[in-house]
Amino acid sequence: MRRRKSGIHPFKRSDIEYDRPNPIHASKQAISQYAERIASKLKFKPETDLEDLINSLGGELHYLDPEKLEATEDGSILVHGEGDFEIFLSNYTGILRDRFTIAHELGHYFLHSRQGEIAIQVERNGSDRLEWEANWFAAAFLMPADQVKSKFKKYQSLSVTATYFQVSIAAMQVRLETLGLL
């Protein structure tokens, strides 16, 4: 893992001022539609390797050890500039949770940094509008509405549909409820 040494946070660059961004205050529907357009533009499919996708956008994934005081409880992002960002994940979470966390952090990248126009640092700490927006983005990015409706109709199973989209049963349950399918 590459280390950047500057300031208190070992990954921050000393020549960049990072801000915690403000929510964009778009509707859940607008954010979901935007996320689906981004996923389509990136040719994202459930089988897409998210680390490869992050790398193709100029980002890096880091799995950090909380015992070394490197990580937040669950995911964070540093956006240094356009096509230059880092997503941090705990070593103590599973692949399905990591997929959602990565998509959530992409939500911050696309929504709140405007794809790197604004240097930001976001560490997940609680639940506020900023985090809701990133969650809405992640859900729609990983589980596009029309595809979820089609697959759920075909499989008639929460767990099989979750498996198809490579998300947790809890994430799929929330998505199905949001779409009025449960």
C-alpha atoms as a PDB file:
ATOM      1  CA  MET A   1       0.000   0.000   0.000  1.00  0.00           C
ATOM      2  CA  ARG A   2       1.334   3.401  -0.982  1.00  0.00           C
ATOM      3  CA  ARG A   3       1.671   5.872   1.884  1.00  0.00           C
ATOM      4  CA  ARG A   4       1.495   9.629   1.631  1.00  0.00           C
ATOM      5  CA  LYS A   5       3.124  11.454   4.509  1.00  0.00           C
ATOM      6  CA  SER A   6       1.785  14.867   5.391  1.00  0.00           C
ATOM      7  CA  GLY A   7      -0.171  16.453   8.173  1.00  0.00           C
ATOM      8  CA  ILE A   8      -2.037  14.399  10.751  1.00  0.00           C
ATOM      9  CA  HIS A   9      -3.736  12.091   8.260  1.00  0.00           C
ATOM     10  CA  PRO A  10      -1.052   9.961   6.538  1.00  0.00           C
ATOM     11  CA  PHE A  11      -2.877  10.065   3.191  1.00  0.00           C
ATOM     12  CA  LYS A  12      -3.575  13.800   3.012  1.00  0.00           C
ATOM     13  CA  ARG A  13      -1.424  15.981   0.805  1.00  0.00           C
ATOM     14  CA  SER A  14      -0.008  19.046   2.456  1.00  0.00           C
ATOM     15  CA  ASP A  15      -0.694  21.258  -0.574  1.00  0.00           C
ATOM     16  CA  ILE A  16      -4.439  20.545  -0.636  1.00  0.00           C
ATOM     17  CA  GLU A  17      -7.117  21.905   1.665  1.00  0.00           C
ATOM     18  CA  TYR A  18      -9.794  19.256   2.210  1.00  0.00           C
ATOM     19  CA  ASP A  19     -13.338  20.099   3.184  1.00  0.00           C
ATOM     20  CA  ARG A  20     -16.244  18.056   4.463  1.00  0.00           C
ATOM     21  CA  PRO A  21     -18.727  18.762   1.685  1.00  0.00           C
ATOM     22  CA  ASN A  22     -22.303  19.888   2.004  1.00  0.00           C
ATOM     23  CA  PRO A  23     -25.230  17.778   0.805  1.00  0.00           C
ATOM     24  CA  ILE A  24     -26.500  18.657  -2.649  1.00  0.00           C
ATOM     25  CA  HIS A  25     -30.132  18.495  -1.462  1.00  0.00           C
ATOM     26  CA  ALA A  26     -31.382  16.771  -4.606  1.00  0.00           C
ATOM     27  CA  SER A  27     -34.309  14.404  -4.222  1.00  0.00           C
ATOM     28  CA  LYS A  28     -33.787  10.703  -3.595  1.00  0.00           C
ATOM     29  CA  GLN A  29     -35.270  10.025  -7.041  1.00  0.00           C
ATOM     30  CA  ALA A  30     -32.935  12.499  -8.777  1.00  0.00           C
ATOM     31  CA  ILE A  31     -29.878  11.035  -7.033  1.00  0.00           C
ATOM     32  CA  SER A  32     -31.004   7.505  -7.902  1.00  0.00           C
ATOM     33  CA  GLN A  33     -31.503   8.391 -11.556  1.00  0.00           C
ATOM     34  CA  TYR A  34     -28.086  10.070 -11.655  1.00  0.00           C
ATOM     35  CA  ALA A  35     -26.443   7.000 -10.086  1.00  0.00           C
ATOM     36  CA  GLU A  36     -28.070   4.724 -12.648  1.00  0.00           C
ATOM     37  CA  ARG A  37     -26.843   6.970 -15.487  1.00  0.00           C
ATOM     38  CA  ILE A  38     -23.308   6.890 -14.069  1.00  0.00           C
ATOM     39  CA  ALA A  39     -23.433   3.083 -13.724  1.00  0.00           C
ATOM     40  CA  SER A  40     -24.649   2.769 -17.305  1.00  0.00           C
ATOM     41  CA  LYS A  41     -21.989   5.159 -18.626  1.00  0.00           C
ATOM     42  CA  LEU A  42     -19.315   3.150 -16.797  1.00  0.00           C
ATOM     43  CA  LYS A  43     -20.828  -0.092 -18.150  1.00  0.00           C
ATOM     44  CA  PHE A  44     -21.199  -1.335 -14.577  1.00  0.00           C
ATOM     45  CA  LYS A  45     -22.757  -4.781 -14.161  1.00  0.00           C
ATOM     46  CA  PRO A  46     -23.178  -6.860 -10.981  1.00  0.00           C
ATOM     47  CA  GLU A  47     -20.129  -8.926 -11.945  1.00  0.00           C
ATOM     48  CA  THR A  48     -17.917  -5.844 -12.464  1.00  0.00           C
ATOM     49  CA  ASP A  49     -14.865  -5.810 -10.217  1.00  0.00           C
ATOM     50  CA  LEU A  50     -15.220  -2.596  -8.239  1.00  0.00           C
ATOM     51  CA  GLU A  51     -11.499  -2.265  -7.600  1.00  0.00           C
ATOM     52  CA  ASP A  52     -10.878  -2.283 -11.364  1.00  0.00           C
ATOM     53  CA  LEU A  53     -13.638   0.304 -11.787  1.00  0.00           C
ATOM     54  CA  ILE A  54     -12.132   2.535  -9.083  1.00  0.00           C
ATOM     55  CA  ASN A  55      -8.707   2.251 -10.719  1.00  0.00           C
ATOM     56  CA  SER A  56     -10.169   3.135 -14.133  1.00  0.00           C
ATOM     57  CA  LEU A  57     -11.537   6.349 -12.602  1.00  0.00           C
ATOM     58  CA  GLY A  58      -8.113   7.232 -11.171  1.00  0.00           C
ATOM     59  CA  GLY A  59      -8.865   6.079  -7.649  1.00  0.00           C
ATOM     60  CA  GLU A  60      -7.271   3.632  -5.269  1.00  0.00           C
ATOM     61  CA  LEU A  61      -8.699   1.282  -2.656  1.00  0.00           C
ATOM     62  CA  HIS A  62      -6.944   0.823   0.669  1.00  0.00           C
ATOM     63  CA  TYR A  63      -7.860  -1.820   3.234  1.00  0.00           C
ATOM     64  CA  LEU A  64      -6.798  -0.428   6.585  1.00  0.00           C
ATOM     65  CA  ASP A  65      -6.232  -1.929   9.992  1.00  0.00           C
ATOM     66  CA  PRO A  66      -8.156  -0.116  12.749  1.00  0.00           C
ATOM     67  CA  GLU A  67      -5.642  -1.422  15.284  1.00  0.00           C
ATOM     68  CA  LYS A  68      -3.080   0.858  13.627  1.00  0.00           C
ATOM     69  CA  LEU A  69      -5.495   3.780  13.980  1.00  0.00           C
ATOM     70  CA  GLU A  70      -5.631   4.162  10.211  1.00  0.00           C
ATOM     71  CA  ALA A  71      -9.308   3.694   9.548  1.00  0.00           C
ATOM     72  CA  THR A  72     -12.713   4.961  10.428  1.00  0.00           C
ATOM     73  CA  GLU A  73     -15.358   2.513  11.554  1.00  0.00           C
ATOM     74  CA  ASP A  74     -16.682   1.926   8.048  1.00  0.00           C
ATOM     75  CA  GLY A  75     -15.290   3.556   4.947  1.00  0.00           C
ATOM     76  CA  SER A  76     -14.042   6.972   4.020  1.00  0.00           C
ATOM     77  CA  ILE A  77     -12.841   8.872   0.975  1.00  0.00           C
ATOM     78  CA  LEU A  78     -10.210  11.481   0.236  1.00  0.00           C
ATOM     79  CA  VAL A  79     -10.627  13.273  -3.073  1.00  0.00           C
ATOM     80  CA  HIS A  80      -7.437  15.076  -4.026  1.00  0.00           C
ATOM     81  CA  GLY A  81      -8.637  16.273  -7.439  1.00  0.00           C
ATOM     82  CA  GLU A  82     -10.185  15.157 -10.691  1.00  0.00           C
ATOM     83  CA  GLY A  83      -9.451  11.467 -11.260  1.00  0.00           C
ATOM     84  CA  ASP A  84      -7.392  11.345  -8.078  1.00  0.00           C
ATOM     85  CA  PHE A  85      -9.048   9.864  -5.009  1.00  0.00           C
ATOM     86  CA  GLU A  86      -8.645   7.189  -2.379  1.00  0.00           C
ATOM     87  CA  ILE A  87     -11.262   5.014  -0.729  1.00  0.00           C
ATOM     88  CA  PHE A  88     -10.482   3.428   2.633  1.00  0.00           C
ATOM     89  CA  LEU A  89     -12.114   0.237   3.899  1.00  0.00           C
ATOM     90  CA  SER A  90     -11.745  -1.721   7.098  1.00  0.00           C
ATOM     91  CA  ASN A  91     -10.068  -5.123   6.975  1.00  0.00           C
ATOM     92  CA  TYR A  92     -12.870  -6.409   9.207  1.00  0.00           C
ATOM     93  CA  THR A  93     -15.825  -6.239   6.850  1.00  0.00           C
ATOM     94  CA  GLY A  94     -17.047  -8.690   4.226  1.00  0.00           C
ATOM     95  CA  ILE A  95     -17.119  -8.392   0.454  1.00  0.00           C
ATOM     96  CA  LEU A  96     -20.849  -7.586   0.216  1.00  0.00           C
ATOM     97  CA  ARG A  97     -20.562  -4.777   2.747  1.00  0.00           C
ATOM     98  CA  ASP A  98     -17.402  -3.548   1.031  1.00  0.00           C
ATOM     99  CA  ARG A  99     -19.199  -3.397  -2.338  1.00  0.00           C
ATOM    100  CA  PHE A 100     -21.885  -1.155  -0.846  1.00  0.00           C
ATOM    101  CA  THR A 101     -19.295   0.970   0.961  1.00  0.00           C
ATOM    102  CA  ILE A 102     -17.281   1.425  -2.237  1.00  0.00           C
ATOM    103  CA  ALA A 103     -20.430   2.474  -4.133  1.00  0.00           C
ATOM    104  CA  HIS A 104     -21.315   4.794  -1.226  1.00  0.00           C
ATOM    105  CA  GLU A 105     -17.896   6.453  -1.434  1.00  0.00           C
ATOM    106  CA  LEU A 106     -18.326   6.759  -5.214  1.00  0.00           C
ATOM    107  CA  GLY A 107     -21.518   8.626  -4.346  1.00  0.00           C
ATOM    108  CA  HIS A 108     -19.441  11.170  -2.457  1.00  0.00           C
ATOM    109  CA  TYR A 109     -17.021  11.377  -5.394  1.00  0.00           C
ATOM    110  CA  PHE A 110     -19.705  11.981  -8.023  1.00  0.00           C
ATOM    111  CA  LEU A 111     -22.199  13.979  -5.940  1.00  0.00           C
ATOM    112  CA  HIS A 112     -20.186  15.910  -3.395  1.00  0.00           C
ATOM    113  CA  SER A 113     -16.768  16.446  -4.956  1.00  0.00           C
ATOM    114  CA  ARG A 114     -18.291  16.847  -8.432  1.00  0.00           C
ATOM    115  CA  GLN A 115     -15.854  14.241  -9.764  1.00  0.00           C
ATOM    116  CA  GLY A 116     -12.854  15.838  -8.150  1.00  0.00           C
ATOM    117  CA  GLU A 117     -13.599  19.513  -8.707  1.00  0.00           C
ATOM    118  CA  ILE A 118     -13.677  19.937  -4.920  1.00  0.00           C
ATOM    119  CA  ALA A 119     -11.069  18.325  -2.665  1.00  0.00           C
ATOM    120  CA  ILE A 120     -13.009  16.562   0.068  1.00  0.00           C
ATOM    121  CA  GLN A 121     -12.522  14.269   3.012  1.00  0.00           C
ATOM    122  CA  VAL A 122     -15.529  12.314   4.208  1.00  0.00           C
ATOM    123  CA  GLU A 123     -15.410   9.838   7.039  1.00  0.00           C
ATOM    124  CA  ARG A 124     -18.591   8.041   7.882  1.00  0.00           C
ATOM    125  CA  ASN A 125     -19.624   9.238  11.297  1.00  0.00           C
ATOM    126  CA  GLY A 126     -23.299   8.917  11.933  1.00  0.00           C
ATOM    127  CA  SER A 127     -26.280   9.474   9.730  1.00  0.00           C
ATOM    128  CA  ASP A 128     -26.974  12.845   8.177  1.00  0.00           C
ATOM    129  CA  ARG A 129     -28.185  14.150   4.830  1.00  0.00           C
ATOM    130  CA  LEU A 130     -24.714  13.839   3.286  1.00  0.00           C
ATOM    131  CA  GLU A 131     -24.587  10.130   4.181  1.00  0.00           C
ATOM    132  CA  TRP A 132     -28.172   9.521   3.047  1.00  0.00           C
ATOM    133  CA  GLU A 133     -27.360  10.963  -0.368  1.00  0.00           C
ATOM    134  CA  ALA A 134     -24.331   8.676  -0.719  1.00  0.00           C
ATOM    135  CA  ASN A 135     -26.465   5.691   0.366  1.00  0.00           C
ATOM    136  CA  TRP A 136     -29.156   6.541  -2.194  1.00  0.00           C
ATOM    137  CA  PHE A 137     -26.467   6.748  -4.866  1.00  0.00           C
ATOM    138  CA  ALA A 138     -24.940   3.416  -3.814  1.00  0.00           C
ATOM    139  CA  ALA A 139     -28.261   1.579  -3.805  1.00  0.00           C
ATOM    140  CA  ALA A 140     -29.221   2.763  -7.283  1.00  0.00           C
ATOM    141  CA  PHE A 141     -25.698   2.288  -8.660  1.00  0.00           C
ATOM    142  CA  LEU A 142     -25.484  -1.336  -7.490  1.00  0.00           C
ATOM    143  CA  MET A 143     -29.175  -2.183  -7.908  1.00  0.00           C
ATOM    144  CA  PRO A 144     -30.773  -0.246 -10.793  1.00  0.00           C
ATOM    145  CA  ALA A 145     -34.551  -0.084 -10.365  1.00  0.00           C
ATOM    146  CA  ASP A 146     -35.628  -1.695 -13.651  1.00  0.00           C
ATOM    147  CA  GLN A 147     -33.105  -4.514 -13.306  1.00  0.00           C
ATOM    148  CA  VAL A 148     -34.110  -5.189  -9.702  1.00  0.00           C
ATOM    149  CA  LYS A 149     -37.790  -5.291 -10.659  1.00  0.00           C
ATOM    150  CA  SER A 150     -37.077  -7.689 -13.522  1.00  0.00           C
ATOM    151  CA  LYS A 151     -34.837 -10.027 -11.512  1.00  0.00           C
ATOM    152  CA  PHE A 152     -37.114 -10.052  -8.469  1.00  0.00           C
ATOM    153  CA  LYS A 153     -40.091 -10.895 -10.693  1.00  0.00           C
ATOM    154  CA  LYS A 154     -38.054 -13.701 -12.287  1.00  0.00           C
ATOM    155  CA  TYR A 155     -36.581 -15.165  -9.078  1.00  0.00           C
ATOM    156  CA  GLN A 156     -39.371 -14.342  -6.583  1.00  0.00           C
ATOM    157  CA  SER A 157     -36.713 -14.521  -3.885  1.00  0.00           C
ATOM    158  CA  LEU A 158     -35.051 -11.851  -1.792  1.00  0.00           C
ATOM    159  CA  SER A 159     -31.890 -13.887  -1.239  1.00  0.00           C
ATOM    160  CA  VAL A 160     -31.486 -14.989  -4.869  1.00  0.00           C
ATOM    161  CA  THR A 161     -31.990 -11.424  -6.078  1.00  0.00           C
ATOM    162  CA  ALA A 162     -29.439 -10.185  -3.518  1.00  0.00           C
ATOM    163  CA  THR A 163     -27.003 -12.852  -4.704  1.00  0.00           C
ATOM    164  CA  TYR A 164     -27.486 -11.824  -8.337  1.00  0.00           C
ATOM    165  CA  PHE A 165     -26.631  -8.192  -7.521  1.00  0.00           C
ATOM    166  CA  GLN A 166     -23.850  -9.202  -5.084  1.00  0.00           C
ATOM    167  CA  VAL A 167     -25.295  -7.225  -2.207  1.00  0.00           C
ATOM    168  CA  SER A 168     -26.352  -8.197   1.291  1.00  0.00           C
ATOM    169  CA  ILE A 169     -29.855  -9.431   1.961  1.00  0.00           C
ATOM    170  CA  ALA A 170     -30.398  -6.340   4.140  1.00  0.00           C
ATOM    171  CA  ALA A 171     -29.376  -3.994   1.308  1.00  0.00           C
ATOM    172  CA  MET A 172     -31.644  -5.808  -1.143  1.00  0.00           C
ATOM    173  CA  GLN A 173     -34.532  -5.766   1.311  1.00  0.00           C
ATOM    174  CA  VAL A 174     -34.253  -1.989   1.694  1.00  0.00           C
ATOM    175  CA  ARG A 175     -34.030  -1.585  -2.101  1.00  0.00           C
ATOM    176  CA  LEU A 176     -37.079  -3.779  -2.696  1.00  0.00           C
ATOM    177  CA  GLU A 177     -39.049  -1.874  -0.043  1.00  0.00           C
ATOM    178  CA  THR A 178     -37.991   1.445  -1.592  1.00  0.00           C
ATOM    179  CA  LEU A 179     -39.200   0.224  -4.984  1.00  0.00           C
ATOM    180  CA  GLY A 180     -42.512  -0.957  -3.480  1.00  0.00           C
ATOM    181  CA  LEU A 181     -41.799  -4.621  -4.205  1.00  0.00           C
ATOM    182  CA  LEU A 182     -41.930  -5.819  -0.562  1.00  0.00           C
END
